[in-house]
Amino acid sequence: MFFSFARALIRAFVWLINGNTHYENRDKLFDGPYILVGPHRTWWDPIFFALAASPRQFSFMAKEELFNNRFFRFVLVHAHAFPVNRKNPGPSAIKTPVRILKDGKLSLIMFPSGSRYSSELKGGATVIAKLSKAPLIPVVYQGPLKFRDLFLRKRITVRFGDPITVDPKLKLNDAGLATVSDEMQVAFDKLDAEIDPNFHYVPDEEKALKEKEEGKM
């Protein structure tokens, strides 16, 4: 109930401030658990992914620090989020989403890069897809990258791609994970080119370096 209410409220807000959103290839979606995977470009792209894939409801990972605030914890829990320690993710970072997907009521939104400031795809989404037997559905966001630009009514496009099925026999070693990561990256590039052949997203190098250094502490 909370998720549906919040999504309707956000949809109205987006229409009010922007009114220029386009959701493409929604026929790639289906009524069943799947993992939406896409490049992480803004803090709000998961919101647009959830809007575009309505009426399906989603779970997603959120850094555990956000759950320390009572208000944010209430919102996140009721929005089907679960906490993850980004520096030291434990087994629950895999077990929790696998359990959620196997239950069948929710799908999952994941960013294989794990950050807005990195383009390197990690293997978590592949592992979860194999263990849960849920397909990966690639999706990309193109639109304003600064919040103030949302009010300028610039075009926002969310486009879905063909599902990627992880072979149950895939070995979860570096080579196996790299195979699926390459397939996802090809799908992201294809979707970006279909929306705008001239589009090129470049992560903030300074923030990427800072995040990398913090991860070593």
N, C-alpha and C. Protein backbone atom coordinates (compact mmCIF):
# COMPACT_ATOMS: atom_id res chain seq x y z
N MET A 1 0.83 -1.20 0.00
CA MET A 1 0.00 0.00 0.00
C MET A 1 0.87 1.26 0.00
N PHE A 2 1.88 1.30 0.91
CA PHE A 2 2.75 2.48 1.01
C PHE A 2 3.50 2.70 -0.30
N PHE A 3 4.04 1.61 -0.89
CA PHE A 3 4.82 1.72 -2.12
C PHE A 3 3.95 2.31 -3.23
N SER A 4 2.74 1.78 -3.40
CA SER A 4 1.84 2.26 -4.45
C SER A 4 1.45 3.72 -4.23
N PHE A 5 1.17 4.07 -2.97
CA PHE A 5 0.80 5.45 -2.65
C PHE A 5 1.96 6.39 -2.94
N ALA A 6 3.18 6.00 -2.49
CA ALA A 6 4.35 6.85 -2.69
C ALA A 6 4.65 7.01 -4.18
N ARG A 7 4.50 5.93 -4.94
CA ARG A 7 4.77 6.02 -6.38
C ARG A 7 3.78 6.95 -7.08
N ALA A 8 2.52 6.88 -6.68
CA ALA A 8 1.51 7.76 -7.28
C ALA A 8 1.81 9.22 -6.93
N LEU A 9 2.23 9.46 -5.71
CA LEU A 9 2.56 10.82 -5.27
C LEU A 9 3.76 11.35 -6.04
N ILE A 10 4.78 10.52 -6.19
CA ILE A 10 5.99 10.93 -6.91
C ILE A 10 5.69 11.14 -8.39
N ARG A 11 4.84 10.28 -8.96
CA ARG A 11 4.48 10.44 -10.37
C ARG A 11 3.81 11.80 -10.61
N ALA A 12 2.94 12.19 -9.70
CA ALA A 12 2.27 13.48 -9.82
C ALA A 12 3.27 14.62 -9.69
N PHE A 13 4.22 14.47 -8.78
CA PHE A 13 5.24 15.50 -8.57
C PHE A 13 6.13 15.64 -9.81
N VAL A 14 6.53 14.50 -10.39
CA VAL A 14 7.37 14.52 -11.59
C VAL A 14 6.63 15.19 -12.75
N TRP A 15 5.35 14.85 -12.89
CA TRP A 15 4.55 15.46 -13.96
C TRP A 15 4.46 16.98 -13.76
N LEU A 16 4.33 17.39 -12.51
CA LEU A 16 4.18 18.81 -12.20
C LEU A 16 5.45 19.59 -12.51
N ILE A 17 6.61 19.04 -12.14
CA ILE A 17 7.86 19.80 -12.30
C ILE A 17 8.52 19.58 -13.65
N ASN A 18 8.19 18.45 -14.32
CA ASN A 18 8.88 18.16 -15.57
C ASN A 18 7.89 17.94 -16.72
N GLY A 19 7.05 16.93 -16.59
CA GLY A 19 6.02 16.69 -17.60
C GLY A 19 6.56 16.29 -18.96
N ASN A 20 7.82 15.80 -19.00
CA ASN A 20 8.41 15.43 -20.28
C ASN A 20 9.14 14.09 -20.15
N THR A 21 8.46 13.11 -19.54
CA THR A 21 9.05 11.78 -19.32
C THR A 21 8.54 10.80 -20.37
N HIS A 22 9.44 9.92 -20.80
CA HIS A 22 9.11 8.95 -21.84
C HIS A 22 9.65 7.58 -21.42
N TYR A 23 8.75 6.60 -21.35
CA TYR A 23 9.12 5.25 -20.95
C TYR A 23 8.99 4.34 -22.16
N GLU A 24 10.11 3.80 -22.62
CA GLU A 24 10.15 3.07 -23.89
C GLU A 24 10.43 1.58 -23.68
N ASN A 25 9.85 0.77 -24.56
CA ASN A 25 10.04 -0.70 -24.55
C ASN A 25 9.48 -1.36 -23.30
N ARG A 26 8.37 -0.87 -22.80
CA ARG A 26 7.77 -1.49 -21.62
C ARG A 26 7.28 -2.91 -21.89
N ASP A 27 7.18 -3.28 -23.17
CA ASP A 27 6.78 -4.63 -23.51
C ASP A 27 7.85 -5.66 -23.15
N LYS A 28 9.04 -5.20 -22.79
CA LYS A 28 10.11 -6.11 -22.36
C LYS A 28 9.87 -6.61 -20.94
N LEU A 29 8.98 -5.94 -20.22
CA LEU A 29 8.68 -6.30 -18.84
C LEU A 29 7.60 -7.37 -18.79
N PHE A 30 7.51 -8.05 -17.67
CA PHE A 30 6.49 -9.08 -17.53
C PHE A 30 6.07 -9.19 -16.07
N ASP A 31 5.00 -9.90 -15.82
CA ASP A 31 4.47 -10.03 -14.48
C ASP A 31 5.16 -11.19 -13.77
N GLY A 32 6.27 -10.92 -13.19
CA GLY A 32 7.05 -11.95 -12.50
C GLY A 32 8.31 -11.32 -11.97
N PRO A 33 8.99 -11.98 -11.05
CA PRO A 33 10.20 -11.40 -10.47
C PRO A 33 11.34 -11.29 -11.48
N TYR A 34 11.96 -10.14 -11.52
CA TYR A 34 13.13 -9.92 -12.36
C TYR A 34 14.01 -8.88 -11.69
N ILE A 35 15.20 -8.69 -12.24
CA ILE A 35 16.16 -7.73 -11.69
C ILE A 35 16.40 -6.64 -12.72
N LEU A 36 15.98 -5.44 -12.42
CA LEU A 36 16.28 -4.30 -13.29
C LEU A 36 17.71 -3.87 -13.02
N VAL A 37 18.54 -3.87 -14.05
CA VAL A 37 19.94 -3.47 -13.90
C VAL A 37 20.23 -2.32 -14.86
N GLY A 38 20.90 -1.31 -14.34
CA GLY A 38 21.22 -0.18 -15.19
C GLY A 38 22.41 0.60 -14.67
N PRO A 39 22.98 1.45 -15.49
CA PRO A 39 24.06 2.33 -15.01
C PRO A 39 23.49 3.38 -14.06
N HIS A 40 24.22 3.64 -12.97
CA HIS A 40 23.75 4.56 -11.93
C HIS A 40 24.25 5.97 -12.26
N ARG A 41 23.35 6.87 -12.68
CA ARG A 41 23.76 8.19 -13.14
C ARG A 41 23.30 9.34 -12.26
N THR A 42 22.22 9.15 -11.51
CA THR A 42 21.73 10.17 -10.59
C THR A 42 21.19 9.47 -9.36
N TRP A 43 20.91 10.25 -8.31
CA TRP A 43 20.35 9.59 -7.13
C TRP A 43 18.87 9.27 -7.34
N TRP A 44 18.26 9.86 -8.39
CA TRP A 44 16.83 9.61 -8.61
C TRP A 44 16.55 8.63 -9.75
N ASP A 45 17.57 8.09 -10.43
CA ASP A 45 17.23 7.17 -11.52
C ASP A 45 16.50 5.91 -11.05
N PRO A 46 16.74 5.39 -9.81
CA PRO A 46 15.90 4.26 -9.37
C PRO A 46 14.43 4.63 -9.24
N ILE A 47 14.16 5.89 -8.92
CA ILE A 47 12.77 6.35 -8.81
C ILE A 47 12.10 6.29 -10.18
N PHE A 48 12.82 6.75 -11.20
CA PHE A 48 12.26 6.73 -12.55
C PHE A 48 12.14 5.31 -13.09
N PHE A 49 13.05 4.43 -12.69
CA PHE A 49 12.92 3.02 -13.10
C PHE A 49 11.64 2.43 -12.51
N ALA A 50 11.39 2.72 -11.24
CA ALA A 50 10.18 2.19 -10.59
C ALA A 50 8.92 2.79 -11.19
N LEU A 51 8.97 4.06 -11.57
CA LEU A 51 7.82 4.68 -12.22
C LEU A 51 7.57 4.05 -13.59
N ALA A 52 8.64 3.83 -14.33
CA ALA A 52 8.52 3.29 -15.68
C ALA A 52 8.01 1.85 -15.69
N ALA A 53 8.34 1.10 -14.65
CA ALA A 53 7.98 -0.32 -14.61
C ALA A 53 6.68 -0.58 -13.85
N SER A 54 5.95 0.47 -13.50
CA SER A 54 4.67 0.33 -12.81
C SER A 54 3.73 -0.58 -13.63
N PRO A 55 2.93 -1.43 -12.98
CA PRO A 55 2.60 -1.46 -11.56
C PRO A 55 3.45 -2.42 -10.72
N ARG A 56 4.48 -3.00 -11.32
CA ARG A 56 5.34 -3.92 -10.56
C ARG A 56 5.98 -3.18 -9.39
N GLN A 57 6.06 -3.83 -8.24
CA GLN A 57 6.70 -3.24 -7.08
C GLN A 57 8.11 -3.81 -6.93
N PHE A 58 8.99 -3.02 -6.30
CA PHE A 58 10.40 -3.37 -6.26
C PHE A 58 10.99 -3.28 -4.86
N SER A 59 12.02 -4.07 -4.69
CA SER A 59 12.90 -3.94 -3.52
C SER A 59 14.22 -3.38 -4.03
N PHE A 60 14.99 -2.82 -3.12
CA PHE A 60 16.30 -2.30 -3.52
C PHE A 60 17.21 -2.20 -2.31
N MET A 61 18.50 -2.16 -2.58
CA MET A 61 19.49 -2.03 -1.52
C MET A 61 19.65 -0.56 -1.15
N ALA A 62 19.90 -0.29 0.12
CA ALA A 62 20.21 1.07 0.57
C ALA A 62 21.31 0.98 1.62
N LYS A 63 22.20 1.95 1.62
CA LYS A 63 23.30 1.88 2.58
C LYS A 63 22.75 1.93 4.00
N GLU A 64 23.35 1.12 4.86
CA GLU A 64 22.79 0.90 6.19
C GLU A 64 22.75 2.16 7.05
N GLU A 65 23.61 3.14 6.74
CA GLU A 65 23.62 4.38 7.53
C GLU A 65 22.27 5.10 7.47
N LEU A 66 21.57 4.96 6.36
CA LEU A 66 20.27 5.64 6.21
C LEU A 66 19.24 5.11 7.19
N PHE A 67 19.42 3.86 7.62
CA PHE A 67 18.45 3.24 8.53
C PHE A 67 18.64 3.71 9.97
N ASN A 68 19.70 4.48 10.23
CA ASN A 68 19.93 5.00 11.58
C ASN A 68 18.97 6.14 11.91
N ASN A 69 18.44 6.79 10.88
CA ASN A 69 17.47 7.86 11.06
C ASN A 69 16.07 7.25 11.11
N ARG A 70 15.30 7.57 12.12
CA ARG A 70 13.98 6.95 12.32
C ARG A 70 13.04 7.22 11.16
N PHE A 71 13.07 8.46 10.65
CA PHE A 71 12.18 8.81 9.54
C PHE A 71 12.56 8.04 8.29
N PHE A 72 13.87 8.09 7.93
CA PHE A 72 14.32 7.39 6.74
C PHE A 72 14.10 5.88 6.86
N ARG A 73 14.31 5.35 8.08
CA ARG A 73 14.11 3.92 8.28
C ARG A 73 12.66 3.53 8.01
N PHE A 74 11.73 4.35 8.49
CA PHE A 74 10.31 4.07 8.26
C PHE A 74 10.00 4.06 6.76
N VAL A 75 10.48 5.10 6.05
CA VAL A 75 10.21 5.21 4.61
C VAL A 75 10.85 4.04 3.86
N LEU A 76 12.11 3.76 4.16
CA LEU A 76 12.84 2.72 3.44
C LEU A 76 12.23 1.34 3.66
N VAL A 77 11.92 1.03 4.90
CA VAL A 77 11.33 -0.28 5.21
C VAL A 77 10.00 -0.46 4.49
N HIS A 78 9.17 0.58 4.50
CA HIS A 78 7.86 0.48 3.85
C HIS A 78 7.96 0.57 2.32
N ALA A 79 9.13 1.00 1.83
CA ALA A 79 9.37 1.02 0.38
C ALA A 79 10.12 -0.24 -0.07
N HIS A 80 10.17 -1.23 0.82
CA HIS A 80 10.77 -2.54 0.53
C HIS A 80 12.29 -2.51 0.40
N ALA A 81 12.95 -1.50 0.99
CA ALA A 81 14.41 -1.45 0.94
C ALA A 81 15.00 -2.32 2.05
N PHE A 82 16.24 -2.75 1.86
CA PHE A 82 16.94 -3.49 2.90
C PHE A 82 18.36 -2.94 3.01
N PRO A 83 18.92 -2.94 4.23
CA PRO A 83 20.22 -2.30 4.46
C PRO A 83 21.40 -3.16 4.00
N VAL A 84 22.43 -2.47 3.50
CA VAL A 84 23.66 -3.15 3.08
C VAL A 84 24.85 -2.29 3.52
N ASN A 85 25.83 -2.94 4.10
CA ASN A 85 27.08 -2.28 4.44
C ASN A 85 27.92 -2.21 3.18
N ARG A 86 28.09 -1.03 2.62
CA ARG A 86 28.76 -0.90 1.32
C ARG A 86 30.24 -1.22 1.40
N LYS A 87 30.86 -0.95 2.57
CA LYS A 87 32.29 -1.23 2.70
C LYS A 87 32.55 -2.71 2.95
N ASN A 88 31.69 -3.32 3.75
CA ASN A 88 31.87 -4.74 4.08
C ASN A 88 30.54 -5.49 3.94
N PRO A 89 30.06 -5.67 2.71
CA PRO A 89 28.78 -6.38 2.53
C PRO A 89 28.90 -7.83 2.95
N GLY A 90 28.01 -8.27 3.82
CA GLY A 90 28.03 -9.64 4.30
C GLY A 90 27.17 -10.54 3.42
N PRO A 91 26.99 -11.80 3.84
CA PRO A 91 26.18 -12.75 3.07
C PRO A 91 24.75 -12.28 2.84
N SER A 92 24.23 -11.45 3.75
CA SER A 92 22.84 -10.99 3.62
C SER A 92 22.65 -10.14 2.36
N ALA A 93 23.74 -9.52 1.85
CA ALA A 93 23.64 -8.70 0.64
C ALA A 93 23.24 -9.55 -0.56
N ILE A 94 23.49 -10.85 -0.47
CA ILE A 94 23.09 -11.78 -1.52
C ILE A 94 21.84 -12.55 -1.10
N LYS A 95 21.84 -13.05 0.12
CA LYS A 95 20.75 -13.90 0.59
C LYS A 95 19.41 -13.17 0.64
N THR A 96 19.41 -11.92 1.10
CA THR A 96 18.15 -11.17 1.24
C THR A 96 17.47 -10.95 -0.12
N PRO A 97 18.16 -10.40 -1.14
CA PRO A 97 17.48 -10.22 -2.43
C PRO A 97 17.09 -11.54 -3.10
N VAL A 98 17.89 -12.59 -2.90
CA VAL A 98 17.54 -13.89 -3.47
C VAL A 98 16.23 -14.38 -2.86
N ARG A 99 16.11 -14.24 -1.54
CA ARG A 99 14.88 -14.65 -0.86
C ARG A 99 13.68 -13.84 -1.34
N ILE A 100 13.88 -12.53 -1.51
CA ILE A 100 12.80 -11.65 -1.97
C ILE A 100 12.33 -12.06 -3.36
N LEU A 101 13.26 -12.32 -4.26
CA LEU A 101 12.91 -12.69 -5.63
C LEU A 101 12.23 -14.05 -5.68
N LYS A 102 12.71 -14.99 -4.90
CA LYS A 102 12.10 -16.32 -4.89
C LYS A 102 10.68 -16.28 -4.34
N ASP A 103 10.42 -15.33 -3.45
CA ASP A 103 9.08 -15.18 -2.90
C ASP A 103 8.09 -14.77 -3.99
N GLY A 104 8.58 -14.05 -5.02
CA GLY A 104 7.78 -13.77 -6.20
C GLY A 104 6.94 -12.52 -6.18
N LYS A 105 6.83 -11.85 -5.04
CA LYS A 105 5.95 -10.68 -4.95
C LYS A 105 6.62 -9.40 -5.44
N LEU A 106 7.94 -9.33 -5.31
CA LEU A 106 8.67 -8.12 -5.67
C LEU A 106 9.76 -8.44 -6.68
N SER A 107 10.09 -7.43 -7.48
CA SER A 107 11.28 -7.50 -8.31
C SER A 107 12.35 -6.65 -7.63
N LEU A 108 13.50 -6.53 -8.27
CA LEU A 108 14.65 -5.89 -7.63
C LEU A 108 15.26 -4.86 -8.57
N ILE A 109 15.67 -3.72 -8.03
CA ILE A 109 16.42 -2.73 -8.78
C ILE A 109 17.86 -2.76 -8.29
N MET A 110 18.81 -2.93 -9.21
CA MET A 110 20.22 -2.99 -8.84
C MET A 110 21.06 -2.18 -9.82
N PHE A 111 22.15 -1.66 -9.31
CA PHE A 111 23.12 -0.96 -10.15
C PHE A 111 24.43 -1.73 -10.07
N PRO A 112 24.78 -2.47 -11.13
CA PRO A 112 25.97 -3.32 -11.10
C PRO A 112 27.26 -2.58 -10.79
N SER A 113 27.32 -1.27 -11.09
CA SER A 113 28.53 -0.51 -10.77
C SER A 113 28.59 -0.18 -9.29
N GLY A 114 27.42 -0.21 -8.63
CA GLY A 114 27.35 0.07 -7.20
C GLY A 114 27.47 1.54 -6.84
N SER A 115 27.74 2.40 -7.80
CA SER A 115 27.98 3.81 -7.51
C SER A 115 27.72 4.67 -8.74
N ARG A 116 27.39 5.94 -8.51
CA ARG A 116 27.23 6.88 -9.60
C ARG A 116 28.58 7.32 -10.16
N TYR A 117 29.64 7.03 -9.44
CA TYR A 117 30.96 7.53 -9.83
C TYR A 117 31.89 6.43 -10.33
N SER A 118 31.29 5.34 -10.78
CA SER A 118 32.09 4.24 -11.31
C SER A 118 31.37 3.63 -12.51
N SER A 119 32.14 3.16 -13.48
CA SER A 119 31.56 2.49 -14.64
C SER A 119 31.93 1.00 -14.65
N GLU A 120 32.68 0.57 -13.63
CA GLU A 120 33.10 -0.83 -13.55
C GLU A 120 31.96 -1.68 -12.98
N LEU A 121 31.54 -2.68 -13.73
CA LEU A 121 30.43 -3.52 -13.28
C LEU A 121 30.93 -4.62 -12.35
N LYS A 122 30.24 -4.77 -11.24
CA LYS A 122 30.60 -5.81 -10.28
C LYS A 122 29.67 -7.02 -10.48
N GLY A 123 29.96 -8.12 -9.79
CA GLY A 123 29.27 -9.38 -10.07
C GLY A 123 28.05 -9.69 -9.23
N GLY A 124 27.68 -8.78 -8.30
CA GLY A 124 26.58 -9.09 -7.39
C GLY A 124 25.27 -9.41 -8.08
N ALA A 125 24.91 -8.63 -9.09
CA ALA A 125 23.63 -8.84 -9.79
C ALA A 125 23.62 -10.20 -10.48
N THR A 126 24.76 -10.61 -11.03
CA THR A 126 24.85 -11.91 -11.70
C THR A 126 24.67 -13.05 -10.72
N VAL A 127 25.31 -12.94 -9.56
CA VAL A 127 25.18 -13.98 -8.53
C VAL A 127 23.74 -14.10 -8.08
N ILE A 128 23.10 -12.96 -7.82
CA ILE A 128 21.70 -12.96 -7.36
C ILE A 128 20.79 -13.54 -8.44
N ALA A 129 21.05 -13.19 -9.70
CA ALA A 129 20.22 -13.70 -10.80
C ALA A 129 20.35 -15.22 -10.92
N LYS A 130 21.56 -15.73 -10.77
CA LYS A 130 21.75 -17.17 -10.89
C LYS A 130 21.07 -17.91 -9.74
N LEU A 131 21.25 -17.44 -8.52
CA LEU A 131 20.70 -18.13 -7.36
C LEU A 131 19.17 -18.03 -7.28
N SER A 132 18.63 -16.92 -7.76
CA SER A 132 17.18 -16.72 -7.69
C SER A 132 16.46 -17.20 -8.94
N LYS A 133 17.25 -17.45 -10.01
CA LYS A 133 16.69 -17.84 -11.33
C LYS A 133 15.83 -16.72 -11.94
N ALA A 134 16.07 -15.49 -11.52
CA ALA A 134 15.35 -14.34 -12.07
C ALA A 134 16.18 -13.72 -13.19
N PRO A 135 15.57 -13.33 -14.30
CA PRO A 135 16.33 -12.71 -15.40
C PRO A 135 16.75 -11.28 -15.06
N LEU A 136 17.79 -10.84 -15.74
CA LEU A 136 18.23 -9.46 -15.66
C LEU A 136 17.59 -8.68 -16.80
N ILE A 137 16.98 -7.54 -16.49
CA ILE A 137 16.42 -6.70 -17.55
C ILE A 137 17.19 -5.38 -17.55
N PRO A 138 17.96 -5.13 -18.62
CA PRO A 138 18.73 -3.88 -18.68
C PRO A 138 17.83 -2.67 -18.89
N VAL A 139 18.22 -1.56 -18.29
CA VAL A 139 17.45 -0.33 -18.41
C VAL A 139 18.41 0.84 -18.28
N VAL A 140 18.16 1.91 -19.03
CA VAL A 140 19.01 3.10 -18.91
C VAL A 140 18.14 4.34 -18.72
N TYR A 141 18.71 5.31 -18.05
CA TYR A 141 18.10 6.64 -17.85
C TYR A 141 18.93 7.65 -18.61
N GLN A 142 18.27 8.46 -19.41
CA GLN A 142 18.90 9.63 -20.02
C GLN A 142 18.03 10.83 -19.69
N GLY A 143 18.65 11.85 -19.14
CA GLY A 143 17.91 13.04 -18.77
C GLY A 143 18.77 13.93 -17.90
N PRO A 144 18.17 14.90 -17.24
CA PRO A 144 18.92 15.82 -16.38
C PRO A 144 19.72 15.07 -15.31
N LEU A 145 20.95 15.52 -15.07
CA LEU A 145 21.79 14.91 -14.05
C LEU A 145 21.88 15.78 -12.80
N LYS A 146 21.37 17.01 -12.91
CA LYS A 146 21.30 17.91 -11.76
C LYS A 146 19.84 18.14 -11.43
N PHE A 147 19.54 18.13 -10.14
CA PHE A 147 18.14 18.21 -9.71
C PHE A 147 17.45 19.46 -10.22
N ARG A 148 18.15 20.58 -10.22
CA ARG A 148 17.51 21.83 -10.66
C ARG A 148 17.10 21.76 -12.13
N ASP A 149 17.79 20.91 -12.91
CA ASP A 149 17.46 20.81 -14.34
C ASP A 149 16.17 20.03 -14.59
N LEU A 150 15.71 19.30 -13.58
CA LEU A 150 14.42 18.61 -13.72
C LEU A 150 13.29 19.62 -13.92
N PHE A 151 13.46 20.83 -13.38
CA PHE A 151 12.42 21.85 -13.45
C PHE A 151 12.41 22.58 -14.79
N LEU A 152 13.40 22.29 -15.65
CA LEU A 152 13.49 22.97 -16.94
C LEU A 152 12.73 22.23 -18.03
N ARG A 153 12.04 21.17 -17.63
CA ARG A 153 11.21 20.36 -18.53
C ARG A 153 12.03 19.75 -19.67
N LYS A 154 13.28 19.42 -19.36
CA LYS A 154 14.11 18.71 -20.32
C LYS A 154 13.64 17.28 -20.44
N ARG A 155 13.78 16.69 -21.59
CA ARG A 155 13.30 15.34 -21.84
C ARG A 155 14.00 14.32 -20.94
N ILE A 156 13.20 13.40 -20.40
CA ILE A 156 13.69 12.27 -19.61
C ILE A 156 13.24 11.00 -20.31
N THR A 157 14.18 10.11 -20.58
CA THR A 157 13.85 8.86 -21.25
C THR A 157 14.37 7.68 -20.44
N VAL A 158 13.50 6.73 -20.20
CA VAL A 158 13.88 5.45 -19.59
C VAL A 158 13.53 4.37 -20.62
N ARG A 159 14.52 3.57 -20.98
CA ARG A 159 14.31 2.57 -22.02
C ARG A 159 14.77 1.20 -21.54
N PHE A 160 13.91 0.20 -21.73
CA PHE A 160 14.20 -1.17 -21.31
C PHE A 160 14.74 -1.99 -22.47
N GLY A 161 15.57 -2.99 -22.15
CA GLY A 161 16.13 -3.87 -23.16
C GLY A 161 15.67 -5.30 -23.01
N ASP A 162 16.19 -6.16 -23.84
CA ASP A 162 15.82 -7.58 -23.80
C ASP A 162 16.35 -8.24 -22.54
N PRO A 163 15.58 -9.15 -21.94
CA PRO A 163 16.02 -9.85 -20.74
C PRO A 163 17.31 -10.64 -20.99
N ILE A 164 18.14 -10.70 -19.98
CA ILE A 164 19.37 -11.48 -20.00
C ILE A 164 19.21 -12.62 -19.00
N THR A 165 19.26 -13.85 -19.48
CA THR A 165 19.12 -15.01 -18.60
C THR A 165 20.50 -15.55 -18.24
N VAL A 166 20.73 -15.73 -16.96
CA VAL A 166 22.01 -16.26 -16.50
C VAL A 166 21.94 -17.78 -16.51
N ASP A 167 22.86 -18.39 -17.21
CA ASP A 167 22.93 -19.84 -17.33
C ASP A 167 23.10 -20.48 -15.95
N PRO A 168 22.21 -21.41 -15.57
CA PRO A 168 22.35 -22.07 -14.26
C PRO A 168 23.69 -22.77 -14.08
N LYS A 169 24.33 -23.11 -15.20
CA LYS A 169 25.62 -23.80 -15.13
C LYS A 169 26.80 -22.83 -15.11
N LEU A 170 26.52 -21.52 -15.15
CA LEU A 170 27.59 -20.54 -15.16
C LEU A 170 28.44 -20.64 -13.89
N LYS A 171 29.74 -20.67 -14.07
CA LYS A 171 30.65 -20.69 -12.93
C LYS A 171 30.82 -19.26 -12.42
N LEU A 172 30.69 -19.10 -11.11
CA LEU A 172 30.76 -17.78 -10.52
C LEU A 172 32.21 -17.40 -10.21
N ASN A 173 33.06 -17.56 -11.22
CA ASN A 173 34.44 -17.13 -11.09
C ASN A 173 34.62 -15.84 -11.88
N ASP A 174 35.83 -15.33 -11.94
CA ASP A 174 36.06 -14.05 -12.62
C ASP A 174 35.62 -14.09 -14.08
N ALA A 175 35.93 -15.20 -14.75
CA ALA A 175 35.58 -15.32 -16.17
C ALA A 175 34.08 -15.36 -16.37
N GLY A 176 33.39 -16.14 -15.53
CA GLY A 176 31.94 -16.27 -15.64
C GLY A 176 31.23 -14.96 -15.37
N LEU A 177 31.66 -14.26 -14.31
CA LEU A 177 31.04 -12.98 -13.97
C LEU A 177 31.32 -11.94 -15.05
N ALA A 178 32.53 -11.98 -15.61
CA ALA A 178 32.89 -11.03 -16.66
C ALA A 178 32.04 -11.23 -17.90
N THR A 179 31.68 -12.48 -18.20
CA THR A 179 30.85 -12.77 -19.37
C THR A 179 29.50 -12.06 -19.29
N VAL A 180 28.86 -12.16 -18.13
CA VAL A 180 27.55 -11.52 -17.95
C VAL A 180 27.69 -10.00 -17.86
N SER A 181 28.75 -9.54 -17.20
CA SER A 181 28.98 -8.09 -17.11
C SER A 181 29.15 -7.48 -18.50
N ASP A 182 29.89 -8.18 -19.36
CA ASP A 182 30.08 -7.70 -20.73
C ASP A 182 28.75 -7.65 -21.47
N GLU A 183 27.90 -8.65 -21.23
CA GLU A 183 26.59 -8.70 -21.89
C GLU A 183 25.72 -7.54 -21.41
N MET A 184 25.79 -7.23 -20.13
CA MET A 184 25.03 -6.09 -19.61
C MET A 184 25.54 -4.78 -20.20
N GLN A 185 26.86 -4.63 -20.26
CA GLN A 185 27.41 -3.38 -20.78
C GLN A 185 27.04 -3.18 -22.25
N VAL A 186 27.06 -4.25 -23.02
CA VAL A 186 26.65 -4.16 -24.43
C VAL A 186 25.19 -3.71 -24.50
N ALA A 187 24.35 -4.26 -23.62
CA ALA A 187 22.93 -3.89 -23.61
C ALA A 187 22.75 -2.42 -23.23
N PHE A 188 23.51 -1.94 -22.22
CA PHE A 188 23.41 -0.53 -21.82
C PHE A 188 23.81 0.38 -22.98
N ASP A 189 24.92 0.04 -23.62
CA ASP A 189 25.41 0.87 -24.74
C ASP A 189 24.40 0.90 -25.88
N LYS A 190 23.78 -0.24 -26.14
CA LYS A 190 22.79 -0.34 -27.22
C LYS A 190 21.58 0.54 -26.91
N LEU A 191 21.10 0.48 -25.68
CA LEU A 191 19.94 1.28 -25.29
C LEU A 191 20.26 2.76 -25.36
N ASP A 192 21.44 3.14 -24.88
CA ASP A 192 21.84 4.55 -24.94
C ASP A 192 21.87 5.04 -26.39
N ALA A 193 22.43 4.21 -27.27
CA ALA A 193 22.53 4.60 -28.68
C ALA A 193 21.17 4.71 -29.34
N GLU A 194 20.24 3.86 -28.91
CA GLU A 194 18.89 3.90 -29.48
C GLU A 194 18.16 5.18 -29.07
N ILE A 195 18.45 5.66 -27.87
CA ILE A 195 17.82 6.90 -27.41
C ILE A 195 18.50 8.11 -28.05
N ASP A 196 19.82 8.13 -27.96
CA ASP A 196 20.60 9.25 -28.50
C ASP A 196 22.00 8.75 -28.85
N PRO A 197 22.31 8.61 -30.13
CA PRO A 197 23.62 8.10 -30.55
C PRO A 197 24.79 8.96 -30.06
N ASN A 198 24.52 10.21 -29.71
CA ASN A 198 25.60 11.11 -29.28
C ASN A 198 25.76 11.16 -27.76
N PHE A 199 24.93 10.40 -27.05
CA PHE A 199 24.99 10.44 -25.59
C PHE A 199 26.24 9.73 -25.08
N HIS A 200 26.87 10.34 -24.07
CA HIS A 200 28.03 9.69 -23.43
C HIS A 200 28.09 10.17 -21.99
N TYR A 201 27.95 9.24 -21.07
CA TYR A 201 27.99 9.58 -19.65
C TYR A 201 29.40 9.39 -19.12
N VAL A 202 29.92 10.41 -18.46
CA VAL A 202 31.27 10.34 -17.88
C VAL A 202 31.15 10.54 -16.38
N PRO A 203 31.50 9.52 -15.55
CA PRO A 203 31.44 9.68 -14.11
C PRO A 203 32.38 10.77 -13.62
N ASP A 204 32.05 11.40 -12.52
CA ASP A 204 32.87 12.44 -11.92
C ASP A 204 34.14 11.80 -11.37
N GLU A 205 35.28 12.05 -12.00
CA GLU A 205 36.53 11.40 -11.63
C GLU A 205 36.98 11.75 -10.21
N GLU A 206 36.78 13.00 -9.82
CA GLU A 206 37.20 13.43 -8.48
C GLU A 206 36.40 12.71 -7.40
N LYS A 207 35.10 12.62 -7.60
CA LYS A 207 34.25 11.92 -6.62
C LYS A 207 34.51 10.42 -6.66
N ALA A 208 34.81 9.88 -7.84
CA ALA A 208 35.11 8.46 -7.97
C ALA A 208 36.37 8.11 -7.18
N LEU A 209 37.39 8.96 -7.27
CA LEU A 209 38.64 8.74 -6.55
C LEU A 209 38.42 8.84 -5.05
N LYS A 210 37.62 9.83 -4.63
CA LYS A 210 37.33 10.01 -3.21
C LYS A 210 36.60 8.80 -2.66
N GLU A 211 35.63 8.29 -3.41
CA GLU A 211 34.86 7.13 -2.98
C GLU A 211 35.75 5.90 -2.88
N LYS A 212 36.67 5.76 -3.82
CA LYS A 212 37.59 4.62 -3.83
C LYS A 212 38.50 4.66 -2.62
N GLU A 213 38.99 5.86 -2.27
CA GLU A 213 39.87 6.01 -1.12
C GLU A 213 39.12 5.72 0.18
N GLU A 214 37.88 6.18 0.28
CA GLU A 214 37.07 5.92 1.47
C GLU A 214 36.82 4.44 1.65
N GLY A 215 36.70 3.71 0.53
CA GLY A 215 36.47 2.28 0.58
C GLY A 215 37.65 1.50 1.12
N LYS A 216 38.84 2.13 1.06
CA LYS A 216 40.05 1.46 1.54
C LYS A 216 40.26 1.66 3.04
N MET A 217 39.52 2.62 3.62
CA MET A 217 39.70 2.96 5.05
C MET A 217 39.10 1.87 5.94
